[in-house]
Amino acid sequence: MKRRIIRAMLAAAVLVGVAAAGLQANVLLRFSPELGGGVPAYARIETVDGHVFAHNDGTWAAITFYRPPACVPADFNLLEFFDFQRAFGCTLTVEGFEIWRNGPWAGDAGPIQTVSFGLGEVPVWFVTVSDLQDKVDDGVLTVAELEACASLRQGVASYFKETLHPAGVARQTKLEIVARGALPGGGTFFFQVEETHFQQKHVVIRFD
């Protein structure tokens, strides 16, 4: 039922994507494990203007994986975010759609909007801000280093939705995430963030 609802939402999005803006229609591209595509990255953590940017509430930081952590190359620095050469070799943990002004074949730098829906098992890893800071002081963060954090909680989101207006292509950089799921050893989590131009406006990280 959940997959049918998601696909119905994607179908509705097609109608939005082909709506004319003046005389020119936007281009909608879908991505999924079957179709491939999606963001050429593994996890939502990066370096912005020389500073590490991870969603956090001052105590805990949350890192969402768009592709399985086990598939991330051991030598890849997660702070670089994009891995155009290898990321597409890993399956997606999400599906959704991208809206482009003209399309990647027309030279667009990226989509103006991306909407991602979790497929029931989206890894969302939580570490304390202090632990994460210790690991990124040298400007490098690998999956192995993240796994070595004493505070690590490897959550799995049964519900996940992300709406992104990417920097550099959208008129206003914006990101919204809502996720909830289970924690190892029992318990649940809820994670929500609203961000504009890399400024966190609202962050909730809750463990129950």
N, C-alpha and C. Protein backbone atom coordinates (compact mmCIF):
# COMPACT_ATOMS: atom_id res chain seq x y z
N MET A 1 0.83 -1.20 0.00
CA MET A 1 0.00 0.00 0.00
C MET A 1 0.87 1.25 0.00
N LYS A 2 1.91 1.27 0.88
CA LYS A 2 2.78 2.44 0.97
C LYS A 2 3.46 2.72 -0.36
N ARG A 3 3.95 1.64 -1.05
CA ARG A 3 4.61 1.83 -2.34
C ARG A 3 3.63 2.38 -3.36
N ARG A 4 2.36 1.93 -3.32
CA ARG A 4 1.36 2.42 -4.28
C ARG A 4 1.09 3.89 -4.05
N ILE A 5 1.05 4.31 -2.77
CA ILE A 5 0.82 5.72 -2.47
C ILE A 5 1.98 6.57 -2.99
N ILE A 6 3.22 6.09 -2.75
CA ILE A 6 4.39 6.82 -3.22
C ILE A 6 4.38 6.96 -4.72
N ARG A 7 4.05 5.87 -5.42
CA ARG A 7 4.06 5.92 -6.88
C ARG A 7 2.94 6.83 -7.40
N ALA A 8 1.83 6.89 -6.68
CA ALA A 8 0.76 7.81 -7.07
C ALA A 8 1.23 9.25 -6.93
N MET A 9 2.02 9.52 -5.85
CA MET A 9 2.56 10.86 -5.66
C MET A 9 3.54 11.21 -6.76
N LEU A 10 4.33 10.21 -7.19
CA LEU A 10 5.28 10.44 -8.28
C LEU A 10 4.55 10.73 -9.58
N ALA A 11 3.45 10.00 -9.81
CA ALA A 11 2.67 10.23 -11.02
C ALA A 11 2.09 11.64 -11.03
N ALA A 12 1.61 12.07 -9.87
CA ALA A 12 1.09 13.44 -9.77
C ALA A 12 2.19 14.45 -10.03
N ALA A 13 3.40 14.12 -9.59
CA ALA A 13 4.53 15.03 -9.78
C ALA A 13 4.87 15.19 -11.25
N VAL A 14 4.62 14.13 -12.05
CA VAL A 14 4.87 14.23 -13.48
C VAL A 14 4.04 15.35 -14.08
N LEU A 15 2.78 15.45 -13.63
CA LEU A 15 1.92 16.50 -14.15
C LEU A 15 2.46 17.87 -13.79
N VAL A 16 3.02 17.99 -12.58
CA VAL A 16 3.61 19.26 -12.17
C VAL A 16 4.85 19.55 -13.01
N GLY A 17 5.67 18.50 -13.24
CA GLY A 17 6.92 18.70 -13.93
C GLY A 17 6.76 19.15 -15.36
N VAL A 18 5.66 18.75 -15.99
CA VAL A 18 5.49 19.13 -17.38
C VAL A 18 4.64 20.38 -17.53
N ALA A 19 4.22 20.97 -16.42
CA ALA A 19 3.45 22.21 -16.51
C ALA A 19 4.33 23.30 -17.12
N ALA A 20 3.80 24.06 -18.01
CA ALA A 20 4.60 25.07 -18.71
C ALA A 20 4.93 26.23 -17.81
N ALA A 21 6.19 26.67 -17.89
CA ALA A 21 6.63 27.90 -17.23
C ALA A 21 6.82 28.89 -18.36
N GLY A 22 5.81 29.73 -18.59
CA GLY A 22 5.80 30.55 -19.79
C GLY A 22 5.53 29.61 -20.96
N LEU A 23 6.45 29.57 -21.93
CA LEU A 23 6.31 28.67 -23.06
C LEU A 23 7.24 27.47 -22.93
N GLN A 24 7.98 27.36 -21.83
CA GLN A 24 8.97 26.30 -21.68
C GLN A 24 8.61 25.40 -20.51
N ALA A 25 8.57 24.11 -20.76
CA ALA A 25 8.23 23.16 -19.72
C ALA A 25 9.48 22.71 -18.98
N ASN A 26 9.33 22.45 -17.69
CA ASN A 26 10.41 21.83 -16.95
C ASN A 26 10.50 20.36 -17.32
N VAL A 27 11.62 19.75 -16.94
CA VAL A 27 11.85 18.34 -17.24
C VAL A 27 11.87 17.56 -15.94
N LEU A 28 11.10 16.48 -15.87
CA LEU A 28 11.06 15.65 -14.68
C LEU A 28 11.75 14.32 -14.94
N LEU A 29 12.67 13.95 -14.04
CA LEU A 29 13.36 12.67 -14.12
C LEU A 29 13.13 11.89 -12.84
N ARG A 30 12.74 10.64 -12.96
CA ARG A 30 12.54 9.79 -11.81
C ARG A 30 13.82 9.01 -11.51
N PHE A 31 14.00 8.65 -10.24
CA PHE A 31 15.11 7.78 -9.86
C PHE A 31 14.62 6.75 -8.85
N SER A 32 15.24 5.59 -8.87
CA SER A 32 14.87 4.48 -7.99
C SER A 32 15.96 3.42 -8.12
N PRO A 33 15.95 2.41 -7.25
CA PRO A 33 16.94 1.34 -7.41
C PRO A 33 16.84 0.66 -8.77
N GLU A 34 15.63 0.56 -9.31
CA GLU A 34 15.46 -0.09 -10.61
C GLU A 34 15.89 0.82 -11.76
N LEU A 35 15.57 2.11 -11.65
CA LEU A 35 15.88 3.05 -12.72
C LEU A 35 17.30 3.60 -12.63
N GLY A 36 17.88 3.56 -11.42
CA GLY A 36 19.19 4.17 -11.21
C GLY A 36 19.04 5.68 -11.05
N GLY A 37 20.13 6.39 -11.25
CA GLY A 37 20.12 7.84 -11.12
C GLY A 37 20.13 8.28 -9.67
N GLY A 38 19.54 9.42 -9.40
CA GLY A 38 19.58 9.98 -8.04
C GLY A 38 20.85 10.75 -7.80
N VAL A 39 21.00 11.26 -6.60
CA VAL A 39 22.17 12.06 -6.26
C VAL A 39 23.44 11.20 -6.30
N PRO A 40 24.52 11.68 -6.93
CA PRO A 40 25.78 10.92 -6.96
C PRO A 40 26.55 11.08 -5.66
N ALA A 41 25.93 10.69 -4.58
CA ALA A 41 26.50 10.83 -3.24
C ALA A 41 26.00 9.69 -2.39
N TYR A 42 26.61 9.54 -1.21
CA TYR A 42 26.25 8.44 -0.32
C TYR A 42 25.49 8.92 0.91
N ALA A 43 25.86 10.07 1.46
CA ALA A 43 25.31 10.48 2.74
C ALA A 43 25.22 11.99 2.84
N ARG A 44 24.30 12.48 3.68
CA ARG A 44 24.07 13.91 3.82
C ARG A 44 24.97 14.49 4.92
N ILE A 45 26.21 14.74 4.55
CA ILE A 45 27.18 15.48 5.35
C ILE A 45 28.20 16.03 4.36
N GLU A 46 28.65 17.26 4.55
CA GLU A 46 29.53 17.85 3.55
C GLU A 46 30.31 19.02 4.15
N THR A 47 31.20 19.55 3.35
CA THR A 47 31.96 20.74 3.73
C THR A 47 31.41 21.93 2.96
N VAL A 48 31.02 22.99 3.69
CA VAL A 48 30.46 24.19 3.07
C VAL A 48 31.30 25.38 3.53
N ASP A 49 31.88 26.08 2.55
CA ASP A 49 32.73 27.25 2.85
C ASP A 49 33.81 26.91 3.88
N GLY A 50 34.39 25.73 3.74
CA GLY A 50 35.49 25.33 4.60
C GLY A 50 35.09 24.77 5.95
N HIS A 51 33.77 24.67 6.20
CA HIS A 51 33.30 24.17 7.48
C HIS A 51 32.45 22.92 7.28
N VAL A 52 32.58 21.97 8.18
CA VAL A 52 31.77 20.76 8.11
C VAL A 52 30.33 21.10 8.46
N PHE A 53 29.41 20.66 7.60
CA PHE A 53 27.99 20.94 7.81
C PHE A 53 27.24 19.62 7.96
N ALA A 54 26.72 19.38 9.15
CA ALA A 54 25.89 18.21 9.43
C ALA A 54 24.70 18.67 10.24
N HIS A 55 23.55 18.14 9.97
CA HIS A 55 22.36 18.53 10.72
C HIS A 55 22.49 18.07 12.16
N ASN A 56 22.26 18.99 13.09
CA ASN A 56 22.43 18.66 14.50
C ASN A 56 21.57 19.57 15.36
N ASP A 57 21.32 19.10 16.59
CA ASP A 57 20.54 19.89 17.54
C ASP A 57 21.42 20.46 18.65
N GLY A 58 22.72 20.45 18.42
CA GLY A 58 23.67 20.94 19.42
C GLY A 58 24.26 19.83 20.26
N THR A 59 23.56 18.70 20.33
CA THR A 59 24.05 17.53 21.07
C THR A 59 24.29 16.36 20.15
N TRP A 60 23.31 16.08 19.29
CA TRP A 60 23.39 14.96 18.35
C TRP A 60 23.42 15.47 16.92
N ALA A 61 24.18 14.76 16.07
CA ALA A 61 24.19 15.02 14.64
C ALA A 61 23.56 13.82 13.93
N ALA A 62 22.82 14.08 12.86
CA ALA A 62 22.15 13.03 12.09
C ALA A 62 22.72 12.99 10.68
N ILE A 63 23.06 11.79 10.21
CA ILE A 63 23.63 11.61 8.88
C ILE A 63 22.78 10.59 8.14
N THR A 64 22.11 11.03 7.08
CA THR A 64 21.25 10.17 6.29
C THR A 64 22.04 9.55 5.14
N PHE A 65 21.82 8.26 4.89
CA PHE A 65 22.50 7.56 3.80
C PHE A 65 21.52 7.29 2.66
N TYR A 66 21.83 7.85 1.49
CA TYR A 66 21.02 7.62 0.30
C TYR A 66 21.40 6.32 -0.39
N ARG A 67 22.54 5.78 0.00
CA ARG A 67 23.03 4.49 -0.50
C ARG A 67 23.59 3.73 0.69
N PRO A 68 23.57 2.40 0.66
CA PRO A 68 23.96 1.61 1.84
C PRO A 68 25.38 1.94 2.32
N PRO A 69 25.56 2.15 3.62
CA PRO A 69 26.89 2.45 4.16
C PRO A 69 27.93 1.39 3.78
N ALA A 70 27.50 0.13 3.71
CA ALA A 70 28.43 -0.95 3.38
C ALA A 70 28.99 -0.83 1.97
N CYS A 71 28.31 -0.05 1.10
CA CYS A 71 28.75 0.10 -0.28
C CYS A 71 29.68 1.29 -0.48
N VAL A 72 29.81 2.15 0.53
CA VAL A 72 30.67 3.33 0.39
C VAL A 72 32.13 2.88 0.32
N PRO A 73 32.88 3.32 -0.69
CA PRO A 73 34.30 2.95 -0.78
C PRO A 73 35.06 3.33 0.49
N ALA A 74 35.92 2.43 0.93
CA ALA A 74 36.63 2.63 2.19
C ALA A 74 37.48 3.90 2.20
N ASP A 75 37.94 4.32 1.02
CA ASP A 75 38.82 5.48 0.95
C ASP A 75 38.08 6.78 0.67
N PHE A 76 36.74 6.73 0.59
CA PHE A 76 36.01 7.94 0.22
C PHE A 76 35.81 8.85 1.43
N ASN A 77 36.08 10.14 1.22
CA ASN A 77 35.87 11.15 2.25
C ASN A 77 34.44 11.65 2.15
N LEU A 78 33.61 11.30 3.14
CA LEU A 78 32.20 11.68 3.11
C LEU A 78 31.99 13.19 3.08
N LEU A 79 32.99 13.94 3.54
CA LEU A 79 32.87 15.39 3.56
C LEU A 79 32.93 16.00 2.17
N GLU A 80 33.35 15.22 1.18
CA GLU A 80 33.36 15.70 -0.19
C GLU A 80 31.98 15.58 -0.84
N PHE A 81 31.11 14.83 -0.21
CA PHE A 81 29.72 14.63 -0.61
C PHE A 81 29.59 13.90 -1.95
N PHE A 82 29.93 14.53 -3.05
CA PHE A 82 29.74 13.91 -4.36
C PHE A 82 30.85 12.91 -4.68
N ASP A 83 30.46 11.81 -5.33
CA ASP A 83 31.41 10.83 -5.87
C ASP A 83 30.87 10.41 -7.23
N PHE A 84 31.10 11.25 -8.23
CA PHE A 84 30.53 11.04 -9.55
C PHE A 84 31.00 9.75 -10.21
N GLN A 85 32.19 9.29 -9.86
CA GLN A 85 32.75 8.12 -10.51
C GLN A 85 32.20 6.81 -9.96
N ARG A 86 31.87 6.76 -8.66
CA ARG A 86 31.54 5.46 -8.06
C ARG A 86 30.16 5.36 -7.42
N ALA A 87 29.54 6.47 -7.08
CA ALA A 87 28.29 6.42 -6.32
C ALA A 87 27.19 5.65 -7.04
N PHE A 88 27.12 5.79 -8.35
CA PHE A 88 26.05 5.13 -9.09
C PHE A 88 26.21 3.60 -9.10
N GLY A 89 27.36 3.12 -8.64
CA GLY A 89 27.55 1.68 -8.52
C GLY A 89 26.89 1.10 -7.29
N CYS A 90 26.38 1.96 -6.41
CA CYS A 90 25.67 1.53 -5.21
C CYS A 90 24.18 1.76 -5.41
N THR A 91 23.36 0.83 -4.97
CA THR A 91 21.92 0.99 -5.10
C THR A 91 21.42 2.09 -4.18
N LEU A 92 20.22 2.56 -4.42
CA LEU A 92 19.61 3.62 -3.64
C LEU A 92 18.79 3.07 -2.48
N THR A 93 18.71 3.83 -1.41
CA THR A 93 17.81 3.50 -0.30
C THR A 93 16.52 4.33 -0.40
N VAL A 94 16.44 5.17 -1.44
CA VAL A 94 15.29 6.05 -1.66
C VAL A 94 14.88 5.99 -3.13
N GLU A 95 13.70 6.52 -3.40
CA GLU A 95 13.27 6.75 -4.78
C GLU A 95 12.57 8.10 -4.82
N GLY A 96 12.39 8.64 -6.02
CA GLY A 96 11.74 9.93 -6.09
C GLY A 96 11.87 10.56 -7.46
N PHE A 97 11.94 11.88 -7.49
CA PHE A 97 12.01 12.57 -8.77
C PHE A 97 12.82 13.85 -8.64
N GLU A 98 13.35 14.29 -9.77
CA GLU A 98 14.09 15.55 -9.90
C GLU A 98 13.40 16.41 -10.94
N ILE A 99 13.31 17.70 -10.68
CA ILE A 99 12.79 18.64 -11.67
C ILE A 99 13.94 19.51 -12.16
N TRP A 100 14.16 19.48 -13.47
CA TRP A 100 15.23 20.25 -14.10
C TRP A 100 14.61 21.34 -14.97
N ARG A 101 15.35 22.43 -15.16
CA ARG A 101 14.85 23.48 -16.05
C ARG A 101 14.83 22.97 -17.49
N ASN A 102 15.93 22.36 -17.91
CA ASN A 102 16.05 21.89 -19.29
C ASN A 102 16.49 20.43 -19.37
N GLY A 103 17.20 19.95 -18.36
CA GLY A 103 17.71 18.58 -18.36
C GLY A 103 19.21 18.54 -18.33
N PRO A 104 19.80 17.45 -17.79
CA PRO A 104 21.26 17.35 -17.71
C PRO A 104 21.92 17.35 -19.09
N TRP A 105 21.23 16.84 -20.10
CA TRP A 105 21.77 16.81 -21.45
C TRP A 105 21.85 18.20 -22.08
N ALA A 106 21.12 19.16 -21.46
CA ALA A 106 21.12 20.53 -21.98
C ALA A 106 22.14 21.42 -21.27
N GLY A 107 22.93 20.81 -20.38
CA GLY A 107 23.98 21.56 -19.71
C GLY A 107 23.61 22.13 -18.36
N ASP A 108 22.41 21.80 -17.84
CA ASP A 108 22.04 22.27 -16.50
C ASP A 108 23.02 21.73 -15.47
N ALA A 109 23.39 22.57 -14.51
CA ALA A 109 24.33 22.15 -13.46
C ALA A 109 23.71 21.14 -12.50
N GLY A 110 22.39 21.16 -12.38
CA GLY A 110 21.70 20.24 -11.49
C GLY A 110 20.22 20.50 -11.51
N PRO A 111 19.43 19.69 -10.82
CA PRO A 111 17.99 19.91 -10.76
C PRO A 111 17.65 21.11 -9.88
N ILE A 112 16.49 21.69 -10.10
CA ILE A 112 16.05 22.81 -9.27
C ILE A 112 15.27 22.31 -8.06
N GLN A 113 14.84 21.06 -8.11
CA GLN A 113 14.17 20.46 -6.96
C GLN A 113 14.31 18.94 -7.02
N THR A 114 14.51 18.35 -5.85
CA THR A 114 14.55 16.89 -5.73
C THR A 114 13.68 16.48 -4.56
N VAL A 115 12.84 15.47 -4.78
CA VAL A 115 12.01 14.93 -3.71
C VAL A 115 12.31 13.44 -3.59
N SER A 116 12.68 13.00 -2.38
CA SER A 116 13.07 11.61 -2.14
C SER A 116 12.16 10.98 -1.10
N PHE A 117 11.73 9.75 -1.38
CA PHE A 117 10.92 8.97 -0.46
C PHE A 117 11.69 7.72 -0.06
N GLY A 118 11.74 7.43 1.23
CA GLY A 118 12.44 6.24 1.69
C GLY A 118 11.75 4.97 1.26
N LEU A 119 12.53 3.92 1.10
CA LEU A 119 11.99 2.62 0.69
C LEU A 119 11.82 1.68 1.87
N GLY A 120 11.76 2.24 3.07
CA GLY A 120 11.47 1.44 4.26
C GLY A 120 12.65 1.11 5.12
N GLU A 121 13.87 1.28 4.59
CA GLU A 121 15.08 0.98 5.36
C GLU A 121 16.17 1.99 5.02
N VAL A 122 15.94 3.24 5.36
CA VAL A 122 16.92 4.28 5.09
C VAL A 122 17.83 4.42 6.32
N PRO A 123 19.13 4.18 6.18
CA PRO A 123 20.03 4.35 7.32
C PRO A 123 20.14 5.82 7.73
N VAL A 124 19.88 6.10 8.99
CA VAL A 124 20.09 7.43 9.55
C VAL A 124 20.95 7.22 10.79
N TRP A 125 22.21 7.63 10.70
CA TRP A 125 23.16 7.40 11.79
C TRP A 125 23.26 8.65 12.65
N PHE A 126 23.29 8.43 13.96
CA PHE A 126 23.39 9.52 14.91
C PHE A 126 24.68 9.40 15.72
N VAL A 127 25.40 10.49 15.84
CA VAL A 127 26.58 10.55 16.70
C VAL A 127 26.54 11.87 17.44
N THR A 128 27.19 11.93 18.59
CA THR A 128 27.24 13.20 19.30
C THR A 128 28.08 14.20 18.50
N VAL A 129 27.75 15.46 18.65
CA VAL A 129 28.48 16.50 17.95
C VAL A 129 29.96 16.49 18.34
N SER A 130 30.25 16.22 19.61
CA SER A 130 31.64 16.20 20.05
C SER A 130 32.41 15.04 19.42
N ASP A 131 31.77 13.88 19.32
CA ASP A 131 32.41 12.73 18.66
C ASP A 131 32.69 13.04 17.20
N LEU A 132 31.70 13.62 16.53
CA LEU A 132 31.86 13.93 15.11
C LEU A 132 32.97 14.95 14.90
N GLN A 133 33.03 15.95 15.75
CA GLN A 133 34.06 16.97 15.62
C GLN A 133 35.45 16.36 15.74
N ASP A 134 35.63 15.41 16.65
CA ASP A 134 36.92 14.74 16.80
C ASP A 134 37.34 14.03 15.52
N LYS A 135 36.35 13.47 14.81
CA LYS A 135 36.65 12.69 13.61
C LYS A 135 36.93 13.57 12.39
N VAL A 136 36.38 14.78 12.35
CA VAL A 136 36.50 15.61 11.15
C VAL A 136 37.55 16.71 11.28
N ASP A 137 38.24 16.75 12.38
CA ASP A 137 39.24 17.80 12.58
C ASP A 137 40.31 17.82 11.50
N ASP A 138 40.59 16.66 10.91
CA ASP A 138 41.61 16.59 9.86
C ASP A 138 41.03 16.79 8.47
N GLY A 139 39.73 17.08 8.38
CA GLY A 139 39.10 17.32 7.09
C GLY A 139 38.71 16.07 6.34
N VAL A 140 38.77 14.93 7.02
CA VAL A 140 38.44 13.65 6.38
C VAL A 140 37.50 12.87 7.29
N LEU A 141 36.49 12.25 6.69
CA LEU A 141 35.59 11.38 7.43
C LEU A 141 35.23 10.19 6.55
N THR A 142 35.69 9.01 6.93
CA THR A 142 35.34 7.79 6.21
C THR A 142 34.23 7.07 6.98
N VAL A 143 33.62 6.09 6.32
CA VAL A 143 32.59 5.30 7.00
C VAL A 143 33.19 4.57 8.20
N ALA A 144 34.41 4.07 8.05
CA ALA A 144 35.06 3.37 9.16
C ALA A 144 35.25 4.30 10.36
N GLU A 145 35.62 5.54 10.11
CA GLU A 145 35.78 6.50 11.20
C GLU A 145 34.44 6.80 11.87
N LEU A 146 33.41 6.89 11.07
CA LEU A 146 32.08 7.14 11.61
C LEU A 146 31.63 5.96 12.47
N GLU A 147 31.89 4.75 11.99
CA GLU A 147 31.52 3.55 12.73
C GLU A 147 32.29 3.43 14.05
N ALA A 148 33.45 4.04 14.10
CA ALA A 148 34.28 3.97 15.31
C ALA A 148 33.85 4.93 16.40
N CYS A 149 32.89 5.80 16.11
CA CYS A 149 32.41 6.75 17.13
C CYS A 149 31.73 5.98 18.27
N ALA A 150 32.15 6.23 19.49
CA ALA A 150 31.59 5.53 20.64
C ALA A 150 30.10 5.80 20.82
N SER A 151 29.64 6.95 20.37
CA SER A 151 28.24 7.35 20.58
C SER A 151 27.31 6.90 19.45
N LEU A 152 27.84 6.22 18.44
CA LEU A 152 27.08 5.91 17.23
C LEU A 152 25.80 5.13 17.51
N ARG A 153 24.69 5.61 16.95
CA ARG A 153 23.42 4.89 16.95
C ARG A 153 22.99 4.74 15.49
N GLN A 154 22.94 3.52 15.02
CA GLN A 154 22.67 3.25 13.61
C GLN A 154 21.16 3.05 13.41
N GLY A 155 20.44 4.15 13.29
CA GLY A 155 19.00 4.08 13.09
C GLY A 155 18.64 3.64 11.68
N VAL A 156 17.45 3.09 11.54
CA VAL A 156 16.90 2.71 10.24
C VAL A 156 15.51 3.31 10.12
N ALA A 157 15.32 4.19 9.15
CA ALA A 157 14.06 4.91 9.01
C ALA A 157 13.06 4.10 8.19
N SER A 158 11.92 3.81 8.80
CA SER A 158 10.83 3.16 8.08
C SER A 158 10.04 4.19 7.28
N TYR A 159 10.10 5.45 7.74
CA TYR A 159 9.50 6.56 6.99
C TYR A 159 10.57 7.62 6.77
N PHE A 160 10.67 8.08 5.54
CA PHE A 160 11.66 9.11 5.21
C PHE A 160 11.14 9.92 4.02
N LYS A 161 11.21 11.24 4.14
CA LYS A 161 10.91 12.12 3.01
C LYS A 161 11.85 13.31 3.07
N GLU A 162 12.42 13.64 1.93
CA GLU A 162 13.30 14.80 1.82
C GLU A 162 12.90 15.63 0.62
N THR A 163 12.80 16.95 0.83
CA THR A 163 12.56 17.89 -0.27
C THR A 163 13.74 18.84 -0.31
N LEU A 164 14.39 18.90 -1.47
CA LEU A 164 15.63 19.66 -1.61
C LEU A 164 15.53 20.63 -2.78
N HIS A 165 15.92 21.90 -2.54
CA HIS A 165 16.15 22.89 -3.59
C HIS A 165 17.66 23.15 -3.57
N PRO A 166 18.42 22.52 -4.46
CA PRO A 166 19.88 22.51 -4.35
C PRO A 166 20.53 23.88 -4.52
N ALA A 167 21.65 24.04 -3.82
CA ALA A 167 22.44 25.27 -3.93
C ALA A 167 23.01 25.41 -5.34
N GLY A 168 23.04 26.63 -5.81
CA GLY A 168 23.66 26.90 -7.10
C GLY A 168 22.74 26.82 -8.29
N VAL A 169 21.58 26.15 -8.13
CA VAL A 169 20.65 26.01 -9.25
C VAL A 169 19.25 26.48 -8.90
N ALA A 170 18.81 26.22 -7.67
CA ALA A 170 17.50 26.70 -7.24
C ALA A 170 17.59 28.17 -6.84
N ARG A 171 16.47 28.88 -6.95
CA ARG A 171 16.48 30.30 -6.59
C ARG A 171 16.74 30.48 -5.09
N GLN A 172 16.24 29.55 -4.29
CA GLN A 172 16.47 29.62 -2.85
C GLN A 172 16.87 28.24 -2.36
N THR A 173 18.09 28.11 -1.85
CA THR A 173 18.55 26.83 -1.32
C THR A 173 17.71 26.45 -0.10
N LYS A 174 17.15 25.24 -0.14
CA LYS A 174 16.25 24.81 0.93
C LYS A 174 16.29 23.30 1.06
N LEU A 175 16.16 22.82 2.28
CA LEU A 175 16.12 21.38 2.53
C LEU A 175 15.18 21.09 3.69
N GLU A 176 14.31 20.12 3.50
CA GLU A 176 13.42 19.66 4.55
C GLU A 176 13.48 18.13 4.62
N ILE A 177 13.66 17.61 5.82
CA ILE A 177 13.71 16.16 6.03
C ILE A 177 12.79 15.80 7.20
N VAL A 178 12.04 14.73 7.02
CA VAL A 178 11.28 14.13 8.11
C VAL A 178 11.55 12.63 8.06
N ALA A 179 12.00 12.06 9.19
CA ALA A 179 12.30 10.63 9.24
C ALA A 179 11.94 10.08 10.61
N ARG A 180 11.49 8.84 10.61
CA ARG A 180 11.24 8.15 11.88
C ARG A 180 11.52 6.67 11.66
N GLY A 181 11.98 6.01 12.72
CA GLY A 181 12.30 4.60 12.57
C GLY A 181 12.80 3.99 13.86
N ALA A 182 13.55 2.89 13.71
CA ALA A 182 14.00 2.09 14.86
C ALA A 182 15.48 2.27 15.12
N LEU A 183 15.86 2.05 16.37
CA LEU A 183 17.25 2.11 16.80
C LEU A 183 17.74 0.71 17.15
N PRO A 184 19.04 0.45 17.02
CA PRO A 184 19.58 -0.86 17.37
C PRO A 184 19.37 -1.14 18.86
N GLY A 185 18.97 -2.35 19.17
CA GLY A 185 18.78 -2.72 20.57
C GLY A 185 17.44 -2.29 21.13
N GLY A 186 16.58 -1.71 20.29
CA GLY A 186 15.28 -1.27 20.75
C GLY A 186 15.16 0.23 20.81
N GLY A 187 13.95 0.71 20.83
CA GLY A 187 13.71 2.15 20.84
C GLY A 187 13.48 2.69 19.45
N THR A 188 13.05 3.94 19.40
CA THR A 188 12.74 4.58 18.13
C THR A 188 13.37 5.97 18.08
N PHE A 189 13.36 6.56 16.90
CA PHE A 189 13.86 7.92 16.75
C PHE A 189 12.91 8.71 15.86
N PHE A 190 12.98 10.03 16.03
CA PHE A 190 12.29 10.96 15.15
C PHE A 190 13.30 12.06 14.80
N PHE A 191 13.39 12.37 13.50
CA PHE A 191 14.35 13.36 13.03
C PHE A 191 13.64 14.29 12.04
N GLN A 192 13.77 15.59 12.29
CA GLN A 192 13.19 16.58 11.40
C GLN A 192 14.12 17.78 11.30
N VAL A 193 14.28 18.28 10.09
CA VAL A 193 15.12 19.46 9.90
C VAL A 193 14.54 20.34 8.81
N GLU A 194 14.65 21.64 9.01
CA GLU A 194 14.32 22.63 7.99
C GLU A 194 15.53 23.54 7.87
N GLU A 195 16.04 23.66 6.65
CA GLU A 195 17.28 24.41 6.41
C GLU A 195 17.10 25.31 5.21
N THR A 196 17.64 26.53 5.30
CA THR A 196 17.62 27.47 4.19
C THR A 196 19.01 28.08 4.04
N HIS A 197 19.56 27.96 2.84
CA HIS A 197 20.91 28.49 2.56
C HIS A 197 21.92 28.00 3.61
N PHE A 198 21.87 26.70 3.90
CA PHE A 198 22.79 26.06 4.83
C PHE A 198 22.69 26.63 6.25
N GLN A 199 21.56 27.22 6.57
CA GLN A 199 21.30 27.69 7.92
C GLN A 199 20.15 26.87 8.50
N GLN A 200 20.42 26.13 9.57
CA GLN A 200 19.38 25.32 10.19
C GLN A 200 18.34 26.22 10.86
N LYS A 201 17.09 26.08 10.45
CA LYS A 201 16.01 26.88 11.02
C LYS A 201 15.27 26.10 12.10
N HIS A 202 15.20 24.81 11.94
CA HIS A 202 14.44 23.98 12.87
C HIS A 202 15.02 22.57 12.84
N VAL A 203 15.43 22.05 13.98
CA VAL A 203 15.98 20.69 14.05
C VAL A 203 15.39 19.98 15.26
N VAL A 204 14.90 18.77 15.02
CA VAL A 204 14.42 17.92 16.12
C VAL A 204 15.08 16.56 15.96
N ILE A 205 15.77 16.10 17.00
CA ILE A 205 16.30 14.75 17.06
C ILE A 205 15.83 14.18 18.39
N ARG A 206 14.99 13.17 18.32
CA ARG A 206 14.39 12.63 19.54
C ARG A 206 14.50 11.11 19.56
N PHE A 207 14.90 10.58 20.70
CA PHE A 207 14.96 9.13 20.90
C PHE A 207 13.92 8.72 21.94
N ASP A 208 13.18 7.65 21.65
CA ASP A 208 12.16 7.16 22.56
C ASP A 208 12.38 5.67 22.86
